[in-house]
Structure formats: structure tokens, C-alpha cells
Protein backbone atom coordinates (compact mmCIF):
# COMPACT_ATOMS: atom_id res chain seq x y z
CA UNK A 1 -41.40 9.10 5.31
CA UNK A 2 -38.13 7.22 4.89
CA UNK A 3 -37.96 3.74 3.36
CA UNK A 4 -34.85 1.57 3.49
CA UNK A 5 -34.20 0.29 -0.04
CA UNK A 6 -31.09 -1.70 0.84
CA UNK A 7 -28.77 -2.08 3.82
CA UNK A 8 -25.84 -4.15 4.89
CA UNK A 9 -22.19 -4.29 5.84
CA UNK A 10 -19.58 -3.15 3.41
CA UNK A 11 -17.69 -6.36 2.70
CA UNK A 12 -15.94 -5.85 -0.63
CA UNK A 13 -14.11 -3.46 -2.89
CA UNK A 14 -16.88 -3.99 -5.47
CA UNK A 15 -19.50 -2.74 -3.00
CA UNK A 16 -17.48 0.41 -2.39
CA UNK A 17 -17.06 0.95 -6.14
CA UNK A 18 -20.82 0.68 -6.75
CA UNK A 19 -22.29 2.52 -3.72
CA UNK A 20 -23.02 5.55 -5.87
CA UNK A 21 -21.34 7.95 -3.41
CA UNK A 22 -18.04 8.56 -5.17
CA UNK A 23 -17.02 10.40 -8.33
CA UNK A 24 -14.24 8.01 -9.35
CA UNK A 25 -13.24 10.29 -12.24
CA UNK A 26 -12.46 13.25 -9.92
CA UNK A 27 -9.12 12.13 -8.48
CA UNK A 28 -7.75 15.67 -7.83
CA UNK A 29 -4.16 14.54 -8.40
CA UNK A 30 -4.23 12.10 -5.46
CA UNK A 31 -4.22 8.90 -7.54
CA UNK A 32 -3.19 8.03 -11.07
CA UNK A 33 -6.29 6.00 -11.89
CA UNK A 34 -9.73 5.26 -10.43
CA UNK A 35 -8.79 1.74 -9.30
CA UNK A 36 -6.20 3.23 -6.92
CA UNK A 37 -8.81 5.54 -5.41
CA UNK A 38 -11.24 2.63 -5.05
CA UNK A 39 -8.55 0.56 -3.30
CA UNK A 40 -7.78 3.42 -0.91
CA UNK A 41 -11.41 4.12 0.04
CA UNK A 42 -12.16 0.38 0.28
CA UNK A 43 -9.23 -0.06 2.68
CA UNK A 44 -11.10 2.18 5.13
CA UNK A 45 -14.70 1.01 4.60
CA UNK A 46 -14.54 -2.76 4.05
CA UNK A 47 -15.12 -4.55 7.34
CA UNK A 48 -15.66 -1.32 9.31
CA UNK A 49 -18.88 0.23 7.99
CA UNK A 50 -22.53 -0.36 7.28
CA UNK A 51 -24.40 1.26 4.40
CA UNK A 52 -28.02 2.20 3.90
CA UNK A 53 -29.82 3.24 0.74
CA UNK A 54 -32.91 5.24 1.60
CA UNK A 55 -35.92 6.44 -0.34
CA UNK A 56 -36.98 9.90 0.80
CA UNK A 57 -39.05 12.75 -0.55
CA UNK A 58 -37.32 15.97 0.39
CA UNK A 59 -39.99 17.97 -1.45
CA UNK A 60 -42.62 17.10 1.18
CA UNK A 61 -40.94 18.97 4.04
CA UNK A 62 -42.45 22.32 5.04
CA UNK A 63 -40.62 25.24 3.44
CA UNK A 64 -38.42 27.34 5.73
CA UNK A 65 -37.23 30.88 5.17
CA UNK A 66 -33.91 30.56 7.03
CA UNK A 67 -31.73 28.77 4.46
CA UNK A 68 -28.24 30.24 4.90
CA UNK A 69 -27.70 31.20 1.25
CA UNK A 70 -25.04 28.65 0.35
CA UNK A 71 -23.61 28.86 -3.18
CA UNK A 72 -22.08 26.05 -5.20
CA UNK A 73 -20.40 26.00 -8.60
CA UNK A 74 -22.60 24.58 -11.28
CA UNK A 75 -26.05 25.02 -12.69
CA UNK A 76 -27.96 25.72 -9.45
CA UNK A 77 -29.08 22.12 -8.91
CA UNK A 78 -26.89 21.77 -5.78
CA UNK A 79 -28.50 24.85 -4.21
CA UNK A 80 -32.01 23.64 -5.07
CA UNK A 81 -31.42 20.23 -3.45
CA UNK A 82 -29.59 21.86 -0.52
CA UNK A 83 -32.66 23.99 0.26
CA UNK A 84 -34.88 20.91 0.12
CA UNK A 85 -32.50 19.01 2.42
CA UNK A 86 -32.37 21.98 4.83
CA UNK A 87 -36.17 21.95 5.10
CA UNK A 88 -36.32 18.16 5.47
CA UNK A 89 -33.51 17.99 8.04
CA UNK A 90 -35.05 20.58 10.36
CA UNK A 91 -38.52 19.06 10.01
CA UNK A 92 -37.18 15.67 11.21
CA UNK A 93 -34.19 16.19 13.48
CA UNK A 94 -32.70 18.11 16.37
CA UNK A 95 -29.17 19.18 15.57
CA UNK A 96 -27.17 21.43 13.31
CA UNK A 97 -26.63 21.58 9.57
CA UNK A 98 -23.91 23.70 7.93
CA UNK A 99 -23.17 24.09 4.23
CA UNK A 100 -19.64 24.55 2.92
CA UNK A 101 -17.50 22.95 0.24
CA UNK A 102 -15.48 19.73 0.30
CA UNK A 103 -17.73 18.30 1.65
CA UNK A 104 -20.96 20.13 0.83
CA UNK A 105 -22.38 19.90 4.34
CA UNK A 106 -21.77 18.72 7.90
CA UNK A 107 -23.51 18.86 11.23
CA UNK A 108 -24.74 17.09 14.31
CA UNK A 109 -27.71 14.94 15.23
CA UNK A 110 -29.07 14.96 18.76
CA UNK A 111 -31.18 12.13 20.13
CA UNK A 112 -32.43 12.09 23.74
CA UNK A 113 -30.17 10.03 26.02
CA UNK A 114 -27.54 9.40 23.32
CA UNK A 115 -24.23 11.08 22.52
CA UNK A 116 -24.28 13.68 19.76
CA UNK A 117 -23.59 12.12 16.37
CA UNK A 118 -21.62 13.93 13.70
CA UNK A 119 -22.24 13.73 9.98
CA UNK A 120 -20.73 14.95 6.73
CA UNK A 121 -22.05 14.68 3.23
CA UNK A 122 -22.30 15.76 -0.36
CA UNK A 123 -25.07 16.50 -2.79
CA UNK A 124 -24.31 14.13 -5.61
CA UNK A 125 -21.08 12.17 -5.72
CA UNK A 126 -18.10 13.19 -3.59
CA UNK A 127 -14.51 13.21 -4.81
CA UNK A 128 -12.52 10.35 -3.26
CA UNK A 129 -9.95 12.88 -1.99
CA UNK A 130 -12.57 14.79 0.01
CA UNK A 131 -14.00 11.59 1.44
CA UNK A 132 -10.56 10.27 2.36
CA UNK A 133 -10.01 13.37 4.52
CA UNK A 134 -13.42 13.16 6.19
CA UNK A 135 -13.34 9.44 6.96
CA UNK A 136 -10.27 9.93 9.17
CA UNK A 137 -12.28 12.02 11.66
CA UNK A 138 -15.34 9.73 11.78
CA UNK A 139 -16.09 8.01 15.04
CA UNK A 140 -18.23 4.92 15.48
CA UNK A 141 -21.82 5.90 14.73
CA UNK A 142 -20.96 9.04 12.78
CA UNK A 143 -22.46 9.27 9.31
CA UNK A 144 -21.52 10.05 5.74
CA UNK A 145 -24.65 11.12 3.80
CA UNK A 146 -24.82 11.28 0.02
CA UNK A 147 -27.91 13.09 -1.24
CA UNK A 148 -28.29 11.31 -4.57
CA UNK A 149 -31.31 13.44 -5.44
CA UNK A 150 -34.44 14.65 -3.67
CA UNK A 151 -35.75 11.07 -3.51
CA UNK A 152 -32.72 8.99 -2.54
CA UNK A 153 -29.88 9.05 -0.01
CA UNK A 154 -26.97 6.69 0.66
CA UNK A 155 -25.55 6.61 4.16
CA UNK A 156 -22.26 5.11 5.34
CA UNK A 157 -21.88 4.48 9.07
CA UNK A 158 -18.69 3.17 10.67
CA UNK A 159 -19.27 0.69 13.47
CA UNK A 160 -15.73 1.27 14.73
CA UNK A 161 -13.93 4.58 15.13
CA UNK A 162 -12.07 5.31 11.90
CA UNK A 163 -10.54 8.27 13.72
CA UNK A 164 -8.99 5.92 16.30
CA UNK A 165 -7.64 3.69 13.51
CA UNK A 166 -6.07 6.75 11.84
CA UNK A 167 -4.56 7.94 15.12
CA UNK A 168 -3.10 4.48 15.80
CA UNK A 169 -1.59 4.37 12.30
CA UNK A 170 -0.02 7.81 12.75
CA UNK A 171 1.29 6.86 16.18
CA UNK A 172 2.82 3.67 14.82
CA UNK A 173 4.39 5.58 11.97
CA UNK A 174 5.67 8.62 13.85
CA UNK A 175 5.73 7.55 17.51
CA UNK A 176 7.08 10.37 19.62
CA UNK A 177 9.12 11.83 16.77
CA UNK A 178 6.80 14.81 16.32
CA UNK A 179 8.96 17.84 17.01
CA UNK A 180 7.44 20.80 18.82
CA UNK A 181 8.20 24.32 17.67
CA UNK A 182 10.71 26.01 19.97
CA UNK A 183 8.87 29.33 19.95
CA UNK A 184 5.15 29.36 19.10
CA UNK A 185 4.67 31.17 15.79
CA UNK A 186 1.93 33.46 17.10
CA UNK A 187 4.35 34.86 19.70
CA UNK A 188 6.98 35.72 17.10
CA UNK A 189 4.42 37.51 14.90
CA UNK A 190 3.61 40.12 17.52
CA UNK A 191 6.99 40.80 19.14
């Protein structure tokens, strides 16, 4: 069972700062201070996304024996929650779920008669640098999922294509100035 605790549109920088999705102390050299990271992430989410805080119980899903054996640095808590999420996901949805790093997972959701939806997410808080890479490939209706713990999730869903916004910004910045390689690199490697 899933219960919506809170939902709404992301309308302010303060909302972004307090969503509970981001590790504002893990800047990975991309910003000098957390407020810069908050400003950057807010510039993408405010006025373009909805959020949902959900109560779930991942422990109630039937256990599966096909968890792919993902490893994560730390004390094992990520792997424990990942296994629970794997079980829960495949008990509820049609689609795919893959574990990796930066972000922790990604996949697809398939609903009859609808286009496939893509999602990305992290167990616990994500670094702003990882999220700022992912958000640039999110289309309208794609999802960011933060697994807070086995009982709570926070979801961010753009209602416009952030990918299209990113492409328009790059086009405006670079126009047709992107230079093509004269000889494709793979051809020169094997001559």
C-alpha cells in the first residue's frame, strides 16, 4: 500500500532545499558552498516539477531470489534497502530496474496504453552534482525517486521536458558551431 503524505508543485528555492532528496554537503567540487548548489538545482525544478512524499512499506513485498548483487560503499544499508526496493518494484510494476552508481538506480515503468516512463533515483540523499546531470535527460512525466528508507519515498516529476529545455539552452549557446571530427576516431584506431 502506498499513501501520499504530501504533494504539490515545486514553487520555491526553500522547497527544493527541504525536499530531503539532496546531500547539500556533498558538492563534489562543482560549487563552493551549498547555497550555490541549491540555487542551481532550484533553477531547474521551480516552476517545472511536482513532488510527492509517499509512505510505503518495502518490507511487505514478497522476497525474490533474483536481486542482481549490486554493491555500494558503506555499511551495507544501501544494499539492504536496494533488495527491499527490488522486491517491492517487481511486485507492483511492469518495467525494468537497474542498479549502478551515480545515481544508485534507474529503469522504466510500463503502463498499458501509455508511453514508457523513465526513472532514476538514489537510496538516501543524492549529491547535487549527480542530480544535475540526470535532470538534463528527464522528459515530462519521467521520475526522480529518492528512497528515504524502507517506509518513505520522495518523487520529483517534471511536467515539462527538462531535456528539451537543456537542448534549447545548448542550441542557443552553441548554435551550429559544433565542429565535427574530420576523420572518425574509431577509423584511425584500426588503420
